[in-house]
């Protein structure tokens, strides 16, 4: 992991989970974050709807090294990765389902 988001790639070791075949939705959450629960539902629905898309949720407090490396400053923060693990989009706050699907268009 290095440089700007466009230059960064995450792999299964970074995420401690497998990447999706076509794209991966990475969600940084914290325990008492109400928007994180809603984000989990939205991203889970999208991952079930779109073949080859995985949803990985990361506990920000437990993974501070990754949070710092990626400059995550709020939860929820969502990263959209392409099949190779390159970060193609980033958003903080609770996303709308339509926006997540649109962001996936850049990744697949």
PDB file of N, CA and C in Angstrom:
ATOM      1  N   UNK A   1       0.851  -1.177   0.000  1.00  0.00           N
ATOM      2  CA  UNK A   1       0.000   0.000   0.000  1.00  0.00           C
ATOM      3  C   UNK A   1       0.895   1.237   0.000  1.00  0.00           C
ATOM      4  N   UNK A   2       0.614   2.154  -0.911  1.00  0.00           N
ATOM      5  CA  UNK A   2       1.401   3.369  -0.968  1.00  0.00           C
ATOM      6  C   UNK A   2       0.679   4.421  -1.792  1.00  0.00           C
ATOM      7  N   UNK A   3       1.110   5.657  -1.652  1.00  0.00           N
ATOM      8  CA  UNK A   3       0.648   6.722  -2.529  1.00  0.00           C
ATOM      9  C   UNK A   3      -0.843   7.015  -2.454  1.00  0.00           C
ATOM     10  N   UNK A   4      -1.323   7.711  -3.492  1.00  0.00           N
ATOM     11  CA  UNK A   4      -2.734   8.070  -3.579  1.00  0.00           C
ATOM     12  C   UNK A   4      -3.581   6.812  -3.772  1.00  0.00           C
ATOM     13  N   UNK A   5      -4.897   6.955  -3.563  1.00  0.00           N
ATOM     14  CA  UNK A   5      -5.794   5.806  -3.702  1.00  0.00           C
ATOM     15  C   UNK A   5      -5.636   5.120  -5.050  1.00  0.00           C
ATOM     16  N   UNK A   6      -5.492   5.912  -6.131  1.00  0.00           N
ATOM     17  CA  UNK A   6      -5.423   5.311  -7.465  1.00  0.00           C
ATOM     18  C   UNK A   6      -4.214   4.388  -7.611  1.00  0.00           C
ATOM     19  N   UNK A   7      -3.188   4.619  -6.790  1.00  0.00           N
ATOM     20  CA  UNK A   7      -1.967   3.821  -6.865  1.00  0.00           C
ATOM     21  C   UNK A   7      -1.968   2.656  -5.884  1.00  0.00           C
ATOM     22  N   UNK A   8      -2.957   2.622  -5.014  1.00  0.00           N
ATOM     23  CA  UNK A   8      -2.957   1.626  -3.954  1.00  0.00           C
ATOM     24  C   UNK A   8      -3.699   0.369  -4.358  1.00  0.00           C
ATOM     25  N   UNK A   9      -3.154  -0.743  -3.919  1.00  0.00           N
ATOM     26  CA  UNK A   9      -3.808  -2.040  -4.090  1.00  0.00           C
ATOM     27  C   UNK A   9      -3.851  -2.723  -2.724  1.00  0.00           C
ATOM     28  N   UNK A  10      -4.956  -3.370  -2.464  1.00  0.00           N
ATOM     29  CA  UNK A  10      -5.112  -4.162  -1.253  1.00  0.00           C
ATOM     30  C   UNK A  10      -5.259  -5.610  -1.676  1.00  0.00           C
ATOM     31  N   UNK A  11      -4.725  -6.512  -0.876  1.00  0.00           N
ATOM     32  CA  UNK A  11      -4.876  -7.931  -1.194  1.00  0.00           C
ATOM     33  C   UNK A  11      -5.544  -8.654  -0.030  1.00  0.00           C
ATOM     34  N   UNK A  12      -5.687  -9.965  -0.182  1.00  0.00           N
ATOM     35  CA  UNK A  12      -6.376 -10.758   0.840  1.00  0.00           C
ATOM     36  C   UNK A  12      -5.673 -10.656   2.190  1.00  0.00           C
ATOM     37  N   UNK A  13      -4.361 -10.540   2.195  1.00  0.00           N
ATOM     38  CA  UNK A  13      -3.631 -10.415   3.460  1.00  0.00           C
ATOM     39  C   UNK A  13      -3.960  -9.086   4.144  1.00  0.00           C
ATOM     40  N   UNK A  14      -4.044  -8.004   3.365  1.00  0.00           N
ATOM     41  CA  UNK A  14      -4.405  -6.699   3.939  1.00  0.00           C
ATOM     42  C   UNK A  14      -5.801  -6.743   4.548  1.00  0.00           C
ATOM     43  N   UNK A  15      -6.731  -7.366   3.812  1.00  0.00           N
ATOM     44  CA  UNK A  15      -8.131  -7.388   4.223  1.00  0.00           C
ATOM     45  C   UNK A  15      -8.456  -8.499   5.209  1.00  0.00           C
ATOM     46  N   UNK A  16      -7.594  -9.504   5.253  1.00  0.00           N
ATOM     47  CA  UNK A  16      -7.852 -10.723   6.028  1.00  0.00           C
ATOM     48  C   UNK A  16      -9.142 -11.379   5.547  1.00  0.00           C
ATOM     49  N   UNK A  17      -9.358 -11.277   4.234  1.00  0.00           N
ATOM     50  CA  UNK A  17     -10.523 -11.870   3.575  1.00  0.00           C
ATOM     51  C   UNK A  17     -10.209 -11.921   2.075  1.00  0.00           C
ATOM     52  N   UNK A  18     -10.910 -12.786   1.372  1.00  0.00           N
ATOM     53  CA  UNK A  18     -10.694 -12.910  -0.066  1.00  0.00           C
ATOM     54  C   UNK A  18     -11.331 -11.750  -0.819  1.00  0.00           C
ATOM     55  N   UNK A  19     -10.684 -11.354  -1.903  1.00  0.00           N
ATOM     56  CA  UNK A  19     -11.253 -10.346  -2.800  1.00  0.00           C
ATOM     57  C   UNK A  19     -12.364 -10.983  -3.628  1.00  0.00           C
ATOM     58  N   UNK A  20     -13.313 -10.168  -4.060  1.00  0.00           N
ATOM     59  CA  UNK A  20     -14.339 -10.648  -4.972  1.00  0.00           C
ATOM     60  C   UNK A  20     -13.747 -10.870  -6.358  1.00  0.00           C
ATOM     61  N   UNK A  21     -14.370 -11.736  -7.141  1.00  0.00           N
ATOM     62  CA  UNK A  21     -13.879 -12.016  -8.495  1.00  0.00           C
ATOM     63  C   UNK A  21     -13.871 -10.772  -9.368  1.00  0.00           C
ATOM     64  N   UNK A  22     -14.893  -9.926  -9.217  1.00  0.00           N
ATOM     65  CA  UNK A  22     -15.021  -8.725 -10.053  1.00  0.00           C
ATOM     66  C   UNK A  22     -14.743  -7.441  -9.297  1.00  0.00           C
ATOM     67  N   UNK A  23     -15.103  -7.382  -8.026  1.00  0.00           N
ATOM     68  CA  UNK A  23     -14.911  -6.175  -7.219  1.00  0.00           C
ATOM     69  C   UNK A  23     -15.107  -6.526  -5.750  1.00  0.00           C
ATOM     70  N   UNK A  24     -14.605  -5.631  -4.887  1.00  0.00           N
ATOM     71  CA  UNK A  24     -14.759  -5.816  -3.445  1.00  0.00           C
ATOM     72  C   UNK A  24     -15.181  -4.489  -2.819  1.00  0.00           C
ATOM     73  N   UNK A  25     -16.191  -4.557  -1.970  1.00  0.00           N
ATOM     74  CA  UNK A  25     -16.654  -3.409  -1.195  1.00  0.00           C
ATOM     75  C   UNK A  25     -16.061  -3.551   0.200  1.00  0.00           C
ATOM     76  N   UNK A  26     -15.166  -2.654   0.573  1.00  0.00           N
ATOM     77  CA  UNK A  26     -14.499  -2.707   1.871  1.00  0.00           C
ATOM     78  C   UNK A  26     -15.106  -1.632   2.754  1.00  0.00           C
ATOM     79  N   UNK A  27     -15.626  -2.047   3.895  1.00  0.00           N
ATOM     80  CA  UNK A  27     -16.288  -1.130   4.830  1.00  0.00           C
ATOM     81  C   UNK A  27     -15.499  -1.071   6.128  1.00  0.00           C
ATOM     82  N   UNK A  28     -15.080   0.131   6.506  1.00  0.00           N
ATOM     83  CA  UNK A  28     -14.470   0.353   7.812  1.00  0.00           C
ATOM     84  C   UNK A  28     -15.568   0.799   8.765  1.00  0.00           C
ATOM     85  N   UNK A  29     -15.723   0.076   9.881  1.00  0.00           N
ATOM     86  CA  UNK A  29     -16.795   0.330  10.842  1.00  0.00           C
ATOM     87  C   UNK A  29     -16.225   0.432  12.244  1.00  0.00           C
ATOM     88  N   UNK A  30     -17.060   0.931  13.151  1.00  0.00           N
ATOM     89  CA  UNK A  30     -16.731   0.924  14.567  1.00  0.00           C
ATOM     90  C   UNK A  30     -17.959   0.450  15.339  1.00  0.00           C
ATOM     91  N   UNK A  31     -17.732   0.021  16.564  1.00  0.00           N
ATOM     92  CA  UNK A  31     -18.761  -0.677  17.341  1.00  0.00           C
ATOM     93  C   UNK A  31     -20.046   0.128  17.558  1.00  0.00           C
ATOM     94  N   UNK A  32     -19.934   1.402  17.866  1.00  0.00           N
ATOM     95  CA  UNK A  32     -21.125   2.168  18.240  1.00  0.00           C
ATOM     96  C   UNK A  32     -21.591   3.100  17.131  1.00  0.00           C
ATOM     97  N   UNK A  33     -21.355   2.720  15.909  1.00  0.00           N
ATOM     98  CA  UNK A  33     -21.660   3.560  14.750  1.00  0.00           C
ATOM     99  C   UNK A  33     -22.975   3.092  14.122  1.00  0.00           C
ATOM    100  N   UNK A  34     -24.049   3.854  14.350  1.00  0.00           N
ATOM    101  CA  UNK A  34     -25.355   3.489  13.773  1.00  0.00           C
ATOM    102  C   UNK A  34     -25.333   3.494  12.240  1.00  0.00           C
ATOM    103  N   UNK A  35     -24.727   4.487  11.582  1.00  0.00           N
ATOM    104  CA  UNK A  35     -24.676   4.444  10.120  1.00  0.00           C
ATOM    105  C   UNK A  35     -23.898   3.226   9.585  1.00  0.00           C
ATOM    106  N   UNK A  36     -23.006   2.677  10.401  1.00  0.00           N
ATOM    107  CA  UNK A  36     -22.256   1.490   9.975  1.00  0.00           C
ATOM    108  C   UNK A  36     -23.193   0.295   9.798  1.00  0.00           C
ATOM    109  N   UNK A  37     -24.179   0.169  10.679  1.00  0.00           N
ATOM    110  CA  UNK A  37     -25.125  -0.951  10.569  1.00  0.00           C
ATOM    111  C   UNK A  37     -25.942  -0.823   9.287  1.00  0.00           C
ATOM    112  N   UNK A  38     -26.401   0.380   8.979  1.00  0.00           N
ATOM    113  CA  UNK A  38     -27.164   0.600   7.748  1.00  0.00           C
ATOM    114  C   UNK A  38     -26.281   0.368   6.523  1.00  0.00           C
ATOM    115  N   UNK A  39     -25.027   0.793   6.605  1.00  0.00           N
ATOM    116  CA  UNK A  39     -24.087   0.589   5.499  1.00  0.00           C
ATOM    117  C   UNK A  39     -23.845  -0.896   5.275  1.00  0.00           C
ATOM    118  N   UNK A  40     -23.718  -1.660   6.358  1.00  0.00           N
ATOM    119  CA  UNK A  40     -23.541  -3.113   6.258  1.00  0.00           C
ATOM    120  C   UNK A  40     -24.695  -3.741   5.481  1.00  0.00           C
ATOM    121  N   UNK A  41     -25.917  -3.298   5.775  1.00  0.00           N
ATOM    122  CA  UNK A  41     -27.094  -3.837   5.071  1.00  0.00           C
ATOM    123  C   UNK A  41     -27.043  -3.496   3.578  1.00  0.00           C
ATOM    124  N   UNK A  42     -26.759  -2.232   3.266  1.00  0.00           N
ATOM    125  CA  UNK A  42     -26.724  -1.790   1.865  1.00  0.00           C
ATOM    126  C   UNK A  42     -25.639  -2.541   1.089  1.00  0.00           C
ATOM    127  N   UNK A  43     -24.431  -2.596   1.625  1.00  0.00           N
ATOM    128  CA  UNK A  43     -23.333  -3.252   0.916  1.00  0.00           C
ATOM    129  C   UNK A  43     -23.570  -4.755   0.800  1.00  0.00           C
ATOM    130  N   UNK A  44     -24.144  -5.354   1.835  1.00  0.00           N
ATOM    131  CA  UNK A  44     -24.472  -6.776   1.766  1.00  0.00           C
ATOM    132  C   UNK A  44     -25.491  -7.066   0.684  1.00  0.00           C
ATOM    133  N   UNK A  45     -26.511  -6.204   0.569  1.00  0.00           N
ATOM    134  CA  UNK A  45     -27.517  -6.374  -0.484  1.00  0.00           C
ATOM    135  C   UNK A  45     -26.885  -6.267  -1.863  1.00  0.00           C
ATOM    136  N   UNK A  46     -26.047  -5.266  -2.050  1.00  0.00           N
ATOM    137  CA  UNK A  46     -25.400  -5.079  -3.358  1.00  0.00           C
ATOM    138  C   UNK A  46     -24.513  -6.276  -3.683  1.00  0.00           C
ATOM    139  N   UNK A  47     -23.750  -6.757  -2.704  1.00  0.00           N
ATOM    140  CA  UNK A  47     -22.869  -7.905  -2.940  1.00  0.00           C
ATOM    141  C   UNK A  47     -23.677  -9.150  -3.319  1.00  0.00           C
ATOM    142  N   UNK A  48     -24.863  -9.300  -2.747  1.00  0.00           N
ATOM    143  CA  UNK A  48     -25.709 -10.448  -3.103  1.00  0.00           C
ATOM    144  C   UNK A  48     -26.320 -10.269  -4.500  1.00  0.00           C
ATOM    145  N   UNK A  49     -26.597  -9.037  -4.888  1.00  0.00           N
ATOM    146  CA  UNK A  49     -27.227  -8.757  -6.187  1.00  0.00           C
ATOM    147  C   UNK A  49     -26.273  -8.845  -7.359  1.00  0.00           C
ATOM    148  N   UNK A  50     -25.038  -8.441  -7.163  1.00  0.00           N
ATOM    149  CA  UNK A  50     -24.085  -8.333  -8.266  1.00  0.00           C
ATOM    150  C   UNK A  50     -23.104  -9.506  -8.199  1.00  0.00           C
ATOM    151  N   UNK A  51     -23.142 -10.412  -9.169  1.00  0.00           N
ATOM    152  CA  UNK A  51     -22.249 -11.566  -9.160  1.00  0.00           C
ATOM    153  C   UNK A  51     -20.773 -11.150  -9.145  1.00  0.00           C
ATOM    154  N   UNK A  52     -19.980 -11.853  -8.340  1.00  0.00           N
ATOM    155  CA  UNK A  52     -18.545 -11.605  -8.299  1.00  0.00           C
ATOM    156  C   UNK A  52     -18.123 -10.455  -7.410  1.00  0.00           C
ATOM    157  N   UNK A  53     -19.067  -9.880  -6.656  1.00  0.00           N
ATOM    158  CA  UNK A  53     -18.744  -8.773  -5.753  1.00  0.00           C
ATOM    159  C   UNK A  53     -18.763  -9.284  -4.317  1.00  0.00           C
ATOM    160  N   UNK A  54     -17.705  -8.975  -3.571  1.00  0.00           N
ATOM    161  CA  UNK A  54     -17.608  -9.360  -2.164  1.00  0.00           C
ATOM    162  C   UNK A  54     -17.743  -8.123  -1.286  1.00  0.00           C
ATOM    163  N   UNK A  55     -18.266  -8.316  -0.082  1.00  0.00           N
ATOM    164  CA  UNK A  55     -18.349  -7.252   0.926  1.00  0.00           C
ATOM    165  C   UNK A  55     -17.492  -7.688   2.103  1.00  0.00           C
ATOM    166  N   UNK A  56     -16.522  -6.845   2.465  1.00  0.00           N
ATOM    167  CA  UNK A  56     -15.632  -7.126   3.586  1.00  0.00           C
ATOM    168  C   UNK A  56     -15.778  -5.985   4.584  1.00  0.00           C
ATOM    169  N   UNK A  57     -16.133  -6.319   5.818  1.00  0.00           N
ATOM    170  CA  UNK A  57     -16.243  -5.302   6.859  1.00  0.00           C
ATOM    171  C   UNK A  57     -15.037  -5.409   7.784  1.00  0.00           C
ATOM    172  N   UNK A  58     -14.416  -4.271   8.066  1.00  0.00           N
ATOM    173  CA  UNK A  58     -13.220  -4.218   8.896  1.00  0.00           C
ATOM    174  C   UNK A  58     -13.517  -3.360  10.122  1.00  0.00           C
ATOM    175  N   UNK A  59     -13.211  -3.894  11.293  1.00  0.00           N
ATOM    176  CA  UNK A  59     -13.350  -3.155  12.545  1.00  0.00           C
ATOM    177  C   UNK A  59     -12.185  -2.164  12.623  1.00  0.00           C
ATOM    178  N   UNK A  60     -12.491  -0.885  12.479  1.00  0.00           N
ATOM    179  CA  UNK A  60     -11.454   0.148  12.425  1.00  0.00           C
ATOM    180  C   UNK A  60     -10.592   0.157  13.687  1.00  0.00           C
ATOM    181  N   UNK A  61     -11.203  -0.062  14.832  1.00  0.00           N
ATOM    182  CA  UNK A  61     -10.447  -0.032  16.088  1.00  0.00           C
ATOM    183  C   UNK A  61      -9.466  -1.189  16.184  1.00  0.00           C
ATOM    184  N   UNK A  62      -9.813  -2.327  15.606  1.00  0.00           N
ATOM    185  CA  UNK A  62      -8.948  -3.502  15.668  1.00  0.00           C
ATOM    186  C   UNK A  62      -7.852  -3.472  14.607  1.00  0.00           C
ATOM    187  N   UNK A  63      -8.018  -2.636  13.597  1.00  0.00           N
ATOM    188  CA  UNK A  63      -7.059  -2.597  12.472  1.00  0.00           C
ATOM    189  C   UNK A  63      -6.491  -1.190  12.279  1.00  0.00           C
ATOM    190  N   UNK A  64      -6.008  -0.595  13.371  1.00  0.00           N
ATOM    191  CA  UNK A  64      -5.524   0.788  13.318  1.00  0.00           C
ATOM    192  C   UNK A  64      -4.391   0.990  12.317  1.00  0.00           C
ATOM    193  N   UNK A  65      -3.541  -0.021  12.121  1.00  0.00           N
ATOM    194  CA  UNK A  65      -2.440   0.131  11.164  1.00  0.00           C
ATOM    195  C   UNK A  65      -2.982   0.325   9.750  1.00  0.00           C
ATOM    196  N   UNK A  66      -4.029  -0.411   9.398  1.00  0.00           N
ATOM    197  CA  UNK A  66      -4.633  -0.283   8.075  1.00  0.00           C
ATOM    198  C   UNK A  66      -5.394   1.036   7.954  1.00  0.00           C
ATOM    199  N   UNK A  67      -6.096   1.419   9.016  1.00  0.00           N
ATOM    200  CA  UNK A  67      -6.819   2.692   9.053  1.00  0.00           C
ATOM    201  C   UNK A  67      -5.856   3.850   8.797  1.00  0.00           C
ATOM    202  N   UNK A  68      -4.724   3.819   9.470  1.00  0.00           N
ATOM    203  CA  UNK A  68      -3.728   4.893   9.304  1.00  0.00           C
ATOM    204  C   UNK A  68      -3.121   4.864   7.911  1.00  0.00           C
ATOM    205  N   UNK A  69      -2.788   3.694   7.432  1.00  0.00           N
ATOM    206  CA  UNK A  69      -2.165   3.573   6.106  1.00  0.00           C
ATOM    207  C   UNK A  69      -3.079   4.090   5.008  1.00  0.00           C
ATOM    208  N   UNK A  70      -4.394   3.908   5.187  1.00  0.00           N
ATOM    209  CA  UNK A  70      -5.362   4.325   4.172  1.00  0.00           C
ATOM    210  C   UNK A  70      -5.986   5.680   4.481  1.00  0.00           C
ATOM    211  N   UNK A  71      -5.558   6.312   5.563  1.00  0.00           N
ATOM    212  CA  UNK A  71      -6.064   7.624   5.954  1.00  0.00           C
ATOM    213  C   UNK A  71      -7.590   7.622   6.116  1.00  0.00           C
ATOM    214  N   UNK A  72      -8.097   6.598   6.798  1.00  0.00           N
ATOM    215  CA  UNK A  72      -9.527   6.520   7.118  1.00  0.00           C
ATOM    216  C   UNK A  72      -9.747   7.373   8.360  1.00  0.00           C
ATOM    217  N   UNK A  73     -10.594   8.408   8.249  1.00  0.00           N
ATOM    218  CA  UNK A  73     -10.784   9.341   9.364  1.00  0.00           C
ATOM    219  C   UNK A  73     -12.192   9.294   9.959  1.00  0.00           C
ATOM    220  N   UNK A  74     -13.096   8.537   9.339  1.00  0.00           N
ATOM    221  CA  UNK A  74     -14.471   8.451   9.843  1.00  0.00           C
ATOM    222  C   UNK A  74     -15.039   7.084   9.525  1.00  0.00           C
ATOM    223  N   UNK A  75     -16.012   6.667  10.338  1.00  0.00           N
ATOM    224  CA  UNK A  75     -16.745   5.442  10.017  1.00  0.00           C
ATOM    225  C   UNK A  75     -18.206   5.800   9.831  1.00  0.00           C
ATOM    226  N   UNK A  76     -18.865   5.168   8.865  1.00  0.00           N
ATOM    227  CA  UNK A  76     -18.283   4.217   7.927  1.00  0.00           C
ATOM    228  C   UNK A  76     -17.507   4.916   6.805  1.00  0.00           C
ATOM    229  N   UNK A  77     -16.449   4.263   6.379  1.00  0.00           N
ATOM    230  CA  UNK A  77     -15.745   4.624   5.148  1.00  0.00           C
ATOM    231  C   UNK A  77     -15.799   3.394   4.269  1.00  0.00           C
ATOM    232  N   UNK A  78     -16.136   3.600   3.000  1.00  0.00           N
ATOM    233  CA  UNK A  78     -16.254   2.492   2.050  1.00  0.00           C
ATOM    234  C   UNK A  78     -15.239   2.690   0.933  1.00  0.00           C
ATOM    235  N   UNK A  79     -14.497   1.635   0.639  1.00  0.00           N
ATOM    236  CA  UNK A  79     -13.589   1.617  -0.499  1.00  0.00           C
ATOM    237  C   UNK A  79     -14.142   0.631  -1.522  1.00  0.00           C
ATOM    238  N   UNK A  80     -14.094   0.984  -2.783  1.00  0.00           N
ATOM    239  CA  UNK A  80     -14.475   0.073  -3.854  1.00  0.00           C
ATOM    240  C   UNK A  80     -13.181  -0.352  -4.540  1.00  0.00           C
ATOM    241  N   UNK A  81     -12.937  -1.658  -4.545  1.00  0.00           N
ATOM    242  CA  UNK A  81     -11.734  -2.211  -5.166  1.00  0.00           C
ATOM    243  C   UNK A  81     -12.102  -2.925  -6.449  1.00  0.00           C
ATOM    244  N   UNK A  82     -11.229  -2.849  -7.458  1.00  0.00           N
ATOM    245  CA  UNK A  82     -11.455  -3.638  -8.663  1.00  0.00           C
ATOM    246  C   UNK A  82     -10.980  -5.067  -8.405  1.00  0.00           C
ATOM    247  N   UNK A  83     -11.023  -5.917  -9.420  1.00  0.00           N
ATOM    248  CA  UNK A  83     -10.675  -7.331  -9.250  1.00  0.00           C
ATOM    249  C   UNK A  83      -9.233  -7.518  -8.785  1.00  0.00           C
ATOM    250  N   UNK A  84      -8.360  -6.588  -9.141  1.00  0.00           N
ATOM    251  CA  UNK A  84      -6.961  -6.665  -8.745  1.00  0.00           C
ATOM    252  C   UNK A  84      -6.649  -6.018  -7.409  1.00  0.00           C
ATOM    253  N   UNK A  85      -7.680  -5.492  -6.727  1.00  0.00           N
ATOM    254  CA  UNK A  85      -7.487  -4.882  -5.426  1.00  0.00           C
ATOM    255  C   UNK A  85      -7.150  -3.402  -5.466  1.00  0.00           C
ATOM    256  N   UNK A  86      -7.193  -2.781  -6.650  1.00  0.00           N
ATOM    257  CA  UNK A  86      -6.906  -1.346  -6.769  1.00  0.00           C
ATOM    258  C   UNK A  86      -8.102  -0.552  -6.263  1.00  0.00           C
ATOM    259  N   UNK A  87      -7.839   0.471  -5.455  1.00  0.00           N
ATOM    260  CA  UNK A  87      -8.911   1.329  -4.937  1.00  0.00           C
ATOM    261  C   UNK A  87      -9.380   2.240  -6.068  1.00  0.00           C
ATOM    262  N   UNK A  88     -10.652   2.096  -6.459  1.00  0.00           N
ATOM    263  CA  UNK A  88     -11.183   2.925  -7.541  1.00  0.00           C
ATOM    264  C   UNK A  88     -12.128   4.015  -7.034  1.00  0.00           C
ATOM    265  N   UNK A  89     -12.695   3.835  -5.854  1.00  0.00           N
ATOM    266  CA  UNK A  89     -13.582   4.849  -5.257  1.00  0.00           C
ATOM    267  C   UNK A  89     -13.485   4.779  -3.749  1.00  0.00           C
ATOM    268  N   UNK A  90     -13.746   5.927  -3.106  1.00  0.00           N
ATOM    269  CA  UNK A  90     -13.744   6.032  -1.645  1.00  0.00           C
ATOM    270  C   UNK A  90     -14.881   6.967  -1.261  1.00  0.00           C
ATOM    271  N   UNK A  91     -15.584   6.620  -0.195  1.00  0.00           N
ATOM    272  CA  UNK A  91     -16.645   7.496   0.304  1.00  0.00           C
ATOM    273  C   UNK A  91     -16.759   7.329   1.812  1.00  0.00           C
ATOM    274  N   UNK A  92     -17.008   8.437   2.497  1.00  0.00           N
ATOM    275  CA  UNK A  92     -17.259   8.393   3.936  1.00  0.00           C
ATOM    276  C   UNK A  92     -18.738   8.671   4.158  1.00  0.00           C
ATOM    277  N   UNK A  93     -19.291   8.043   5.188  1.00  0.00           N
ATOM    278  CA  UNK A  93     -20.707   8.213   5.479  1.00  0.00           C
ATOM    279  C   UNK A  93     -21.530   7.092   4.895  1.00  0.00           C
ATOM    280  N   UNK A  94     -22.796   7.097   5.225  1.00  0.00           N
ATOM    281  CA  UNK A  94     -23.705   6.037   4.786  1.00  0.00           C
ATOM    282  C   UNK A  94     -24.046   6.208   3.304  1.00  0.00           C
ATOM    283  N   UNK A  95     -23.722   5.216   2.472  1.00  0.00           N
ATOM    284  CA  UNK A  95     -23.985   5.343   1.038  1.00  0.00           C
ATOM    285  C   UNK A  95     -25.411   4.929   0.675  1.00  0.00           C
ATOM    286  N   UNK A  96     -25.870   5.461  -0.433  1.00  0.00           N
ATOM    287  CA  UNK A  96     -27.146   5.003  -0.988  1.00  0.00           C
ATOM    288  C   UNK A  96     -26.852   3.824  -1.915  1.00  0.00           C
ATOM    289  N   UNK A  97     -27.780   2.898  -1.974  1.00  0.00           N
ATOM    290  CA  UNK A  97     -27.606   1.695  -2.784  1.00  0.00           C
ATOM    291  C   UNK A  97     -27.287   2.051  -4.235  1.00  0.00           C
ATOM    292  N   UNK A  98     -28.004   3.025  -4.814  1.00  0.00           N
ATOM    293  CA  UNK A  98     -27.780   3.423  -6.202  1.00  0.00           C
ATOM    294  C   UNK A  98     -26.358   3.937  -6.402  1.00  0.00           C
ATOM    295  N   UNK A  99     -25.828   4.666  -5.411  1.00  0.00           N
ATOM    296  CA  UNK A  99     -24.468   5.187  -5.523  1.00  0.00           C
ATOM    297  C   UNK A  99     -23.438   4.072  -5.480  1.00  0.00           C
ATOM    298  N   UNK A 100     -23.681   3.053  -4.661  1.00  0.00           N
ATOM    299  CA  UNK A 100     -22.763   1.919  -4.573  1.00  0.00           C
ATOM    300  C   UNK A 100     -22.751   1.173  -5.908  1.00  0.00           C
ATOM    301  N   UNK A 101     -23.924   0.947  -6.465  1.00  0.00           N
ATOM    302  CA  UNK A 101     -24.006   0.242  -7.758  1.00  0.00           C
ATOM    303  C   UNK A 101     -23.296   1.061  -8.843  1.00  0.00           C
ATOM    304  N   UNK A 102     -23.483   2.368  -8.833  1.00  0.00           N
ATOM    305  CA  UNK A 102     -22.805   3.228  -9.812  1.00  0.00           C
ATOM    306  C   UNK A 102     -21.281   3.163  -9.632  1.00  0.00           C
ATOM    307  N   UNK A 103     -20.804   3.175  -8.390  1.00  0.00           N
ATOM    308  CA  UNK A 103     -19.371   3.105  -8.132  1.00  0.00           C
ATOM    309  C   UNK A 103     -18.797   1.776  -8.603  1.00  0.00           C
ATOM    310  N   UNK A 104     -19.585   0.707  -8.492  1.00  0.00           N
ATOM    311  CA  UNK A 104     -19.119  -0.598  -8.972  1.00  0.00           C
ATOM    312  C   UNK A 104     -18.883  -0.573 -10.473  1.00  0.00           C
ATOM    313  N   UNK A 105     -19.598   0.280 -11.179  1.00  0.00           N
ATOM    314  CA  UNK A 105     -19.414   0.390 -12.626  1.00  0.00           C
ATOM    315  C   UNK A 105     -17.986   0.767 -12.979  1.00  0.00           C
ATOM    316  N   UNK A 106     -17.305   1.500 -12.117  1.00  0.00           N
ATOM    317  CA  UNK A 106     -15.914   1.880 -12.359  1.00  0.00           C
ATOM    318  C   UNK A 106     -14.967   0.709 -12.075  1.00  0.00           C
ATOM    319  N   UNK A 107     -15.400  -0.207 -11.257  1.00  0.00           N
ATOM    320  CA  UNK A 107     -14.512  -1.292 -10.825  1.00  0.00           C
ATOM    321  C   UNK A 107     -14.584  -2.526 -11.716  1.00  0.00           C
ATOM    322  N   UNK A 108     -15.744  -2.759 -12.322  1.00  0.00           N
ATOM    323  CA  UNK A 108     -15.911  -4.000 -13.093  1.00  0.00           C
ATOM    324  C   UNK A 108     -15.799  -3.762 -14.585  1.00  0.00           C
TER     325      UNK A 108
END
